[in-house]
């Protein structure tokens, strides 16, 4: 799996499109399980998963942090295993949120926490992690 991370409008989508022009794109929908992206896997065709921040935002009211994290960790492991079996390059595009700024609203702080934990978990499973800023792409793992 590869993770592309950066701020809003940093050039993540363009960087991924340039590297994987024939990819299938899957936008996470509110309430969708990450593992459901397996339905979009096509052998030997890259799969790009987007919409992580909005997906996490929709999950704020559903469950507590530990339960959400355990769910996506298991889903991510299964998704990566299935992608490996089908020889599918798996790419996740994630937003870097906050850059250290702590919002006053508790739900916005929780969203940034969830996003940070998600990107840490994705980084742990990723073979490569790319940081995108101002259209510049840097390999950081």
C-alpha atoms as a PDB file:
ATOM      1  CA  UNK A   1       0.000   0.000   0.000  1.00  0.00           C
ATOM      2  CA  UNK A   2       1.057   3.568  -0.641  1.00  0.00           C
ATOM      3  CA  UNK A   3      -0.129   6.579   1.338  1.00  0.00           C
ATOM      4  CA  UNK A   4      -0.203  10.076  -0.137  1.00  0.00           C
ATOM      5  CA  UNK A   5      -0.680  12.707   2.549  1.00  0.00           C
ATOM      6  CA  UNK A   6      -0.788  16.477   2.442  1.00  0.00           C
ATOM      7  CA  UNK A   7      -2.961  19.495   3.057  1.00  0.00           C
ATOM      8  CA  UNK A   8      -6.058  20.527   1.135  1.00  0.00           C
ATOM      9  CA  UNK A   9      -5.364  21.311  -2.531  1.00  0.00           C
ATOM     10  CA  UNK A  10      -1.685  20.384  -2.107  1.00  0.00           C
ATOM     11  CA  UNK A  11      -1.570  18.319  -5.291  1.00  0.00           C
ATOM     12  CA  UNK A  12      -2.188  14.818  -3.907  1.00  0.00           C
ATOM     13  CA  UNK A  13      -4.770  13.872  -6.551  1.00  0.00           C
ATOM     14  CA  UNK A  14      -2.544  15.125  -9.393  1.00  0.00           C
ATOM     15  CA  UNK A  15       0.461  13.240  -8.015  1.00  0.00           C
ATOM     16  CA  UNK A  16      -1.502   9.996  -7.768  1.00  0.00           C
ATOM     17  CA  UNK A  17      -3.093  10.445 -11.211  1.00  0.00           C
ATOM     18  CA  UNK A  18       0.339  10.986 -12.769  1.00  0.00           C
ATOM     19  CA  UNK A  19       1.711   7.812 -11.166  1.00  0.00           C
ATOM     20  CA  UNK A  20      -1.388   5.640 -11.620  1.00  0.00           C
ATOM     21  CA  UNK A  21      -3.251   6.902 -14.722  1.00  0.00           C
ATOM     22  CA  UNK A  22      -5.321   3.715 -15.109  1.00  0.00           C
ATOM     23  CA  UNK A  23      -6.413   3.487 -11.473  1.00  0.00           C
ATOM     24  CA  UNK A  24      -9.916   2.806 -10.221  1.00  0.00           C
ATOM     25  CA  UNK A  25     -11.008   5.441  -7.691  1.00  0.00           C
ATOM     26  CA  UNK A  26     -13.128   4.691  -4.626  1.00  0.00           C
ATOM     27  CA  UNK A  27     -14.445   7.541  -2.480  1.00  0.00           C
ATOM     28  CA  UNK A  28     -15.333   6.456   1.053  1.00  0.00           C
ATOM     29  CA  UNK A  29     -18.972   7.209   1.814  1.00  0.00           C
ATOM     30  CA  UNK A  30     -20.317   8.118   5.256  1.00  0.00           C
ATOM     31  CA  UNK A  31     -21.036   4.942   7.192  1.00  0.00           C
ATOM     32  CA  UNK A  32     -19.135   2.733   4.747  1.00  0.00           C
ATOM     33  CA  UNK A  33     -16.650   0.224   6.109  1.00  0.00           C
ATOM     34  CA  UNK A  34     -13.136   0.547   4.739  1.00  0.00           C
ATOM     35  CA  UNK A  35     -13.216  -3.170   3.939  1.00  0.00           C
ATOM     36  CA  UNK A  36     -16.083  -2.533   1.493  1.00  0.00           C
ATOM     37  CA  UNK A  37     -13.530  -1.010  -0.883  1.00  0.00           C
ATOM     38  CA  UNK A  38     -12.552  -4.618  -1.658  1.00  0.00           C
ATOM     39  CA  UNK A  39     -15.536  -4.639  -4.024  1.00  0.00           C
ATOM     40  CA  UNK A  40     -13.682  -2.166  -6.238  1.00  0.00           C
ATOM     41  CA  UNK A  41     -10.525  -4.298  -6.499  1.00  0.00           C
ATOM     42  CA  UNK A  42      -9.728  -5.373 -10.065  1.00  0.00           C
ATOM     43  CA  UNK A  43      -6.723  -7.626 -10.629  1.00  0.00           C
ATOM     44  CA  UNK A  44      -3.578  -5.767 -11.708  1.00  0.00           C
ATOM     45  CA  UNK A  45      -5.408  -2.392 -11.626  1.00  0.00           C
ATOM     46  CA  UNK A  46      -4.433   0.228  -9.019  1.00  0.00           C
ATOM     47  CA  UNK A  47      -7.136   1.208  -6.527  1.00  0.00           C
ATOM     48  CA  UNK A  48      -7.119   4.718  -5.070  1.00  0.00           C
ATOM     49  CA  UNK A  49      -9.127   5.363  -1.897  1.00  0.00           C
ATOM     50  CA  UNK A  50     -10.122   8.968  -1.155  1.00  0.00           C
ATOM     51  CA  UNK A  51     -12.473  10.866   1.151  1.00  0.00           C
ATOM     52  CA  UNK A  52     -10.884   9.766   4.428  1.00  0.00           C
ATOM     53  CA  UNK A  53     -11.383  13.032   6.350  1.00  0.00           C
ATOM     54  CA  UNK A  54     -15.060  13.340   5.385  1.00  0.00           C
ATOM     55  CA  UNK A  55     -15.564   9.642   6.161  1.00  0.00           C
ATOM     56  CA  UNK A  56     -14.061  10.108   9.609  1.00  0.00           C
ATOM     57  CA  UNK A  57     -16.163  13.241  10.167  1.00  0.00           C
ATOM     58  CA  UNK A  58     -19.331  11.219   9.485  1.00  0.00           C
ATOM     59  CA  UNK A  59     -18.178   8.597  12.005  1.00  0.00           C
ATOM     60  CA  UNK A  60     -17.838  11.084  14.884  1.00  0.00           C
ATOM     61  CA  UNK A  61     -21.335  10.411  16.238  1.00  0.00           C
ATOM     62  CA  UNK A  62     -21.292   6.653  15.693  1.00  0.00           C
ATOM     63  CA  UNK A  63     -18.757   5.135  18.047  1.00  0.00           C
ATOM     64  CA  UNK A  64     -16.021   5.866  20.503  1.00  0.00           C
ATOM     65  CA  UNK A  65     -12.437   6.284  19.381  1.00  0.00           C
ATOM     66  CA  UNK A  66     -11.038   2.866  20.317  1.00  0.00           C
ATOM     67  CA  UNK A  67     -13.876   0.986  18.612  1.00  0.00           C
ATOM     68  CA  UNK A  68     -13.522   3.036  15.425  1.00  0.00           C
ATOM     69  CA  UNK A  69      -9.793   2.552  15.363  1.00  0.00           C
ATOM     70  CA  UNK A  70      -9.987  -1.200  15.909  1.00  0.00           C
ATOM     71  CA  UNK A  71     -12.535  -1.446  13.111  1.00  0.00           C
ATOM     72  CA  UNK A  72     -10.480   0.422  10.522  1.00  0.00           C
ATOM     73  CA  UNK A  73      -7.255  -1.323  11.561  1.00  0.00           C
ATOM     74  CA  UNK A  74      -8.815  -4.716  10.886  1.00  0.00           C
ATOM     75  CA  UNK A  75     -10.438  -3.485   7.685  1.00  0.00           C
ATOM     76  CA  UNK A  76      -7.159  -1.999   6.468  1.00  0.00           C
ATOM     77  CA  UNK A  77      -5.290  -5.239   7.125  1.00  0.00           C
ATOM     78  CA  UNK A  78      -7.881  -7.297   5.229  1.00  0.00           C
ATOM     79  CA  UNK A  79      -7.979  -4.792   2.371  1.00  0.00           C
ATOM     80  CA  UNK A  80      -4.183  -4.808   2.029  1.00  0.00           C
ATOM     81  CA  UNK A  81      -4.070  -8.615   2.120  1.00  0.00           C
ATOM     82  CA  UNK A  82      -6.734  -8.916  -0.586  1.00  0.00           C
ATOM     83  CA  UNK A  83      -5.007  -6.287  -2.740  1.00  0.00           C
ATOM     84  CA  UNK A  84      -1.735  -8.229  -2.427  1.00  0.00           C
ATOM     85  CA  UNK A  85      -3.479 -11.455  -3.455  1.00  0.00           C
ATOM     86  CA  UNK A  86      -4.838  -9.765  -6.596  1.00  0.00           C
ATOM     87  CA  UNK A  87      -1.568  -7.893  -7.255  1.00  0.00           C
ATOM     88  CA  UNK A  88      -3.424  -4.592  -6.974  1.00  0.00           C
ATOM     89  CA  UNK A  89      -1.432  -1.498  -6.080  1.00  0.00           C
ATOM     90  CA  UNK A  90      -3.450   0.072  -3.250  1.00  0.00           C
ATOM     91  CA  UNK A  91      -3.206   3.826  -2.723  1.00  0.00           C
ATOM     92  CA  UNK A  92      -4.815   5.889   0.035  1.00  0.00           C
ATOM     93  CA  UNK A  93      -5.010   9.666  -0.207  1.00  0.00           C
ATOM     94  CA  UNK A  94      -5.301  11.335   3.202  1.00  0.00           C
ATOM     95  CA  UNK A  95      -5.435  14.922   4.365  1.00  0.00           C
ATOM     96  CA  UNK A  96      -2.992  16.320   6.810  1.00  0.00           C
ATOM     97  CA  UNK A  97      -5.321  18.243   9.099  1.00  0.00           C
ATOM     98  CA  UNK A  98      -4.475  21.003  11.493  1.00  0.00           C
ATOM     99  CA  UNK A  99      -0.685  21.291  11.262  1.00  0.00           C
ATOM    100  CA  UNK A 100      -0.625  21.589  15.042  1.00  0.00           C
ATOM    101  CA  UNK A 101      -3.516  24.041  15.348  1.00  0.00           C
ATOM    102  CA  UNK A 102      -5.957  22.852  18.026  1.00  0.00           C
ATOM    103  CA  UNK A 103      -9.577  23.859  17.368  1.00  0.00           C
ATOM    104  CA  UNK A 104     -11.776  25.066  20.202  1.00  0.00           C
ATOM    105  CA  UNK A 105     -14.708  22.793  19.319  1.00  0.00           C
ATOM    106  CA  UNK A 106     -14.416  19.322  20.916  1.00  0.00           C
ATOM    107  CA  UNK A 107     -15.779  17.528  17.830  1.00  0.00           C
ATOM    108  CA  UNK A 108     -13.170  19.206  15.625  1.00  0.00           C
ATOM    109  CA  UNK A 109     -10.395  18.208  18.034  1.00  0.00           C
ATOM    110  CA  UNK A 110     -11.708  14.634  17.973  1.00  0.00           C
ATOM    111  CA  UNK A 111     -11.793  14.657  14.159  1.00  0.00           C
ATOM    112  CA  UNK A 112      -8.148  15.698  14.048  1.00  0.00           C
ATOM    113  CA  UNK A 113      -7.291  12.968  16.568  1.00  0.00           C
ATOM    114  CA  UNK A 114      -9.089  10.330  14.485  1.00  0.00           C
ATOM    115  CA  UNK A 115      -7.430  11.561  11.300  1.00  0.00           C
ATOM    116  CA  UNK A 116      -4.022  11.472  12.975  1.00  0.00           C
ATOM    117  CA  UNK A 117      -4.554   7.929  14.254  1.00  0.00           C
ATOM    118  CA  UNK A 118      -5.842   6.800  10.842  1.00  0.00           C
ATOM    119  CA  UNK A 119      -2.793   8.200   9.045  1.00  0.00           C
ATOM    120  CA  UNK A 120      -0.471   6.652  11.650  1.00  0.00           C
ATOM    121  CA  UNK A 121      -2.117   3.258  11.133  1.00  0.00           C
ATOM    122  CA  UNK A 122      -1.975   3.640   7.343  1.00  0.00           C
ATOM    123  CA  UNK A 123       1.679   4.670   7.560  1.00  0.00           C
ATOM    124  CA  UNK A 124       2.461   1.583   9.640  1.00  0.00           C
ATOM    125  CA  UNK A 125       0.981  -0.683   6.945  1.00  0.00           C
ATOM    126  CA  UNK A 126       2.227   1.293   3.944  1.00  0.00           C
ATOM    127  CA  UNK A 127       5.238   0.246   1.940  1.00  0.00           C
ATOM    128  CA  UNK A 128       5.678   3.848   0.798  1.00  0.00           C
ATOM    129  CA  UNK A 129       4.456   7.157   2.204  1.00  0.00           C
ATOM    130  CA  UNK A 130       4.528  10.319   0.086  1.00  0.00           C
ATOM    131  CA  UNK A 131       4.144  13.832   1.488  1.00  0.00           C
ATOM    132  CA  UNK A 132       2.680  16.338  -0.962  1.00  0.00           C
ATOM    133  CA  UNK A 133       2.960  20.084  -0.446  1.00  0.00           C
ATOM    134  CA  UNK A 134       2.600  22.826  -3.061  1.00  0.00           C
ATOM    135  CA  UNK A 135       2.604  20.163  -5.769  1.00  0.00           C
ATOM    136  CA  UNK A 136       5.968  18.823  -4.646  1.00  0.00           C
ATOM    137  CA  UNK A 137       6.023  15.126  -3.819  1.00  0.00           C
ATOM    138  CA  UNK A 138       8.513  13.755  -1.307  1.00  0.00           C
ATOM    139  CA  UNK A 139       8.994  10.111  -0.357  1.00  0.00           C
ATOM    140  CA  UNK A 140       9.167   9.956   3.454  1.00  0.00           C
ATOM    141  CA  UNK A 141       8.929   6.194   3.962  1.00  0.00           C
END
